[in-house]
Amino acid sequence: MVTDSFRPTSSRITITEASRLFSVSTNTIRRRVKKGHLTPFQRHQPGGRPRYLFDVSDLVRVFGEPTRQDPSERPGRDSDMPRNVPTKESIETKEIFERLNSFHRLEKEYDALKARFEAQSRHLEDLQRLLTPRLEAPRPIGKRAARYLGELARAFKGENP
């Protein structure tokens, strides 16, 4: 391992940058260092642990051409992760889907409440039909039926005609 604090580091990148640039894992790079295929350079940082840097030409020799040509073309030095910056259209689309889901949920609730209301209305109508004959005044009966009912009543009381 070479300690280098005065040489320019424009052609040197960190292990994380190298893994992203060459599409290999950091463990693969560490294995190659352990086997002696790569030589890391150590950059001391005051108050922190040292960072290991790798020469790009050394990485090209071991892993081949990188997927990106120049590390300086990258948007961020330490991170090549895709940024999820929501666009105005994606925010509007998300709001539309949320409103649509809310609408469908409310529509289902409405249908359920409507069915419940209709069932309760039918139940009330059935109860009204059952109670209506009992609440009406008795209908007059004919003379013949009245005489027959009178005879029945006297027979049950034990009276003889």
Protein backbone atom coordinates (compact mmCIF):
# COMPACT_ATOMS: atom_id res chain seq x y z
CA MET A 1 0.00 0.00 0.00
CA VAL A 2 1.36 3.39 -0.97
CA THR A 3 0.85 6.48 1.15
CA ASP A 4 0.39 9.52 -1.00
CA SER A 5 -0.43 12.95 0.30
CA PHE A 6 1.30 15.28 -2.18
CA ARG A 7 0.52 13.76 -5.58
CA PRO A 8 -2.51 14.98 -7.53
CA THR A 9 -5.54 12.71 -7.17
CA SER A 10 -7.41 13.59 -10.35
CA SER A 11 -7.02 10.04 -11.71
CA ARG A 12 -7.77 8.35 -8.41
CA ILE A 13 -11.17 7.37 -7.11
CA THR A 14 -12.56 5.80 -3.93
CA ILE A 15 -13.60 2.17 -3.65
CA THR A 16 -17.28 3.13 -3.76
CA GLU A 17 -16.82 5.24 -6.88
CA ALA A 18 -14.80 2.45 -8.49
CA SER A 19 -17.45 -0.16 -7.73
CA ARG A 20 -20.15 1.98 -9.32
CA LEU A 21 -18.03 3.05 -12.27
CA PHE A 22 -16.84 -0.45 -13.15
CA SER A 23 -20.07 -2.22 -12.11
CA VAL A 24 -18.39 -4.52 -9.58
CA SER A 25 -19.00 -4.89 -5.87
CA THR A 26 -16.74 -3.33 -3.27
CA ASN A 27 -16.01 -6.84 -1.98
CA THR A 28 -14.68 -7.81 -5.41
CA ILE A 29 -12.32 -4.83 -5.33
CA ARG A 30 -11.18 -5.76 -1.81
CA ARG A 31 -10.49 -9.35 -2.93
CA ARG A 32 -8.40 -8.08 -5.84
CA VAL A 33 -6.42 -5.87 -3.42
CA LYS A 34 -5.87 -8.83 -1.10
CA LYS A 35 -4.65 -10.99 -4.01
CA GLY A 36 -2.30 -8.20 -5.12
CA HIS A 37 -4.01 -7.39 -8.42
CA LEU A 38 -4.76 -3.80 -7.34
CA THR A 39 -2.68 -1.31 -5.39
CA PRO A 40 -4.62 1.07 -3.15
CA PHE A 41 -3.36 4.53 -2.26
CA GLN A 42 -4.05 5.84 1.22
CA ARG A 43 -5.28 9.40 1.74
CA HIS A 44 -5.12 10.56 5.32
CA GLN A 45 -7.93 12.69 6.65
CA PRO A 46 -7.41 14.71 9.80
CA GLY A 47 -9.41 13.30 12.68
CA GLY A 48 -10.77 10.41 10.66
CA ARG A 49 -9.76 7.07 9.34
CA PRO A 50 -7.80 6.93 6.11
CA ARG A 51 -9.56 6.53 2.78
CA TYR A 52 -8.24 4.22 0.16
CA LEU A 53 -8.01 5.51 -3.40
CA PHE A 54 -7.43 3.55 -6.58
CA ASP A 55 -5.73 4.65 -9.75
CA VAL A 56 -8.19 4.56 -12.65
CA SER A 57 -5.60 3.09 -15.02
CA ASP A 58 -4.98 0.26 -12.55
CA LEU A 59 -8.73 -0.41 -12.33
CA VAL A 60 -9.02 -0.40 -16.15
CA ARG A 61 -6.18 -2.93 -16.32
CA VAL A 62 -7.98 -5.27 -13.91
CA PHE A 63 -11.69 -4.75 -14.77
CA GLY A 64 -11.62 -3.42 -18.34
CA GLU A 65 -13.17 -0.22 -19.63
CA PRO A 66 -15.68 1.41 -17.26
CA THR A 67 -19.32 1.85 -18.10
CA ARG A 68 -18.79 5.63 -17.90
CA GLN A 69 -15.82 7.29 -19.56
CA ASP A 70 -14.92 10.01 -17.09
CA PRO A 71 -15.71 10.13 -13.38
CA SER A 72 -15.86 13.94 -13.55
CA GLU A 73 -18.94 13.69 -15.82
CA ARG A 74 -20.90 12.22 -12.95
CA PRO A 75 -23.41 14.44 -11.17
CA GLY A 76 -22.10 13.66 -7.67
CA ARG A 77 -18.66 12.61 -6.49
CA ASP A 78 -19.63 10.28 -3.69
CA SER A 79 -22.91 9.00 -4.95
CA ASP A 80 -24.01 7.65 -8.28
CA MET A 81 -27.35 6.51 -6.94
CA PRO A 82 -30.30 7.56 -9.08
CA ARG A 83 -31.99 10.51 -7.53
CA ASN A 84 -35.72 10.33 -7.06
CA VAL A 85 -36.52 13.95 -7.59
CA PRO A 86 -40.25 14.13 -8.14
CA THR A 87 -41.26 16.10 -11.18
CA LYS A 88 -44.35 18.24 -11.36
CA GLU A 89 -46.03 15.67 -13.61
CA SER A 90 -45.27 12.80 -11.23
CA ILE A 91 -46.64 14.77 -8.29
CA GLU A 92 -49.79 15.62 -10.25
CA THR A 93 -50.14 12.00 -11.37
CA LYS A 94 -49.75 10.81 -7.80
CA GLU A 95 -52.40 13.28 -6.62
CA ILE A 96 -54.75 12.15 -9.40
CA PHE A 97 -54.32 8.49 -8.41
CA GLU A 98 -54.87 9.35 -4.74
CA ARG A 99 -58.06 11.22 -5.62
CA LEU A 100 -59.19 8.39 -7.88
CA ASN A 101 -58.60 5.84 -5.10
CA SER A 102 -60.45 8.09 -2.67
CA PHE A 103 -63.33 8.41 -5.14
CA HIS A 104 -63.56 4.61 -5.58
CA ARG A 105 -63.49 4.11 -1.81
CA LEU A 106 -66.27 6.68 -1.33
CA GLU A 107 -68.26 5.10 -4.15
CA LYS A 108 -68.07 1.70 -2.44
CA GLU A 109 -69.12 3.25 0.88
CA TYR A 110 -72.04 4.96 -0.87
CA ASP A 111 -73.17 1.69 -2.48
CA ALA A 112 -72.97 -0.12 0.87
CA LEU A 113 -74.95 2.60 2.65
CA LYS A 114 -77.51 2.71 -0.15
CA ALA A 115 -78.02 -1.08 0.07
CA ARG A 116 -78.34 -0.83 3.86
CA PHE A 117 -80.89 1.98 3.54
CA GLU A 118 -82.95 0.01 1.01
CA ALA A 119 -82.92 -3.08 3.25
CA GLN A 120 -84.06 -1.04 6.24
CA SER A 121 -86.79 0.60 4.13
CA ARG A 122 -88.09 -2.81 3.04
CA HIS A 123 -88.03 -3.98 6.66
CA LEU A 124 -90.06 -0.96 7.76
CA GLU A 125 -92.58 -1.53 4.97
CA ASP A 126 -92.95 -5.17 6.06
CA LEU A 127 -93.52 -4.10 9.67
CA GLN A 128 -96.11 -1.55 8.58
CA ARG A 129 -97.95 -4.19 6.55
CA LEU A 130 -97.99 -6.54 9.53
CA LEU A 131 -99.23 -3.90 11.97
CA THR A 132 -101.80 -2.20 9.73
CA PRO A 133 -104.65 -4.79 10.02
CA ARG A 134 -104.44 -4.73 13.81
CA LEU A 135 -104.69 -0.97 13.97
CA GLU A 136 -107.79 -0.68 11.79
CA ALA A 137 -111.31 -0.66 13.27
CA PRO A 138 -113.14 -4.00 13.15
CA ARG A 139 -115.20 -4.46 10.02
CA PRO A 140 -118.91 -5.01 10.47
CA ILE A 141 -120.06 -8.57 10.03
CA GLY A 142 -123.26 -9.79 8.52
CA LYS A 143 -126.41 -10.77 10.51
CA ARG A 144 -125.97 -14.44 9.90
CA ALA A 145 -122.34 -14.40 11.08
CA ALA A 146 -123.34 -12.38 14.14
CA ARG A 147 -126.04 -14.86 15.07
CA TYR A 148 -123.59 -17.78 14.64
CA LEU A 149 -120.93 -16.07 16.78
CA GLY A 150 -123.51 -15.32 19.46
CA GLU A 151 -124.57 -18.97 19.57
CA LEU A 152 -120.94 -20.04 19.86
CA ALA A 153 -120.32 -17.64 22.71
CA ARG A 154 -123.39 -18.83 24.62
CA ALA A 155 -122.40 -22.46 24.05
CA PHE A 156 -118.99 -21.86 25.53
CA LYS A 157 -120.46 -20.11 28.54
CA GLY A 158 -122.73 -23.01 29.12
CA GLU A 159 -126.01 -21.23 28.37
CA ASN A 160 -128.73 -23.05 26.49
CA PRO A 161 -130.88 -21.22 23.98
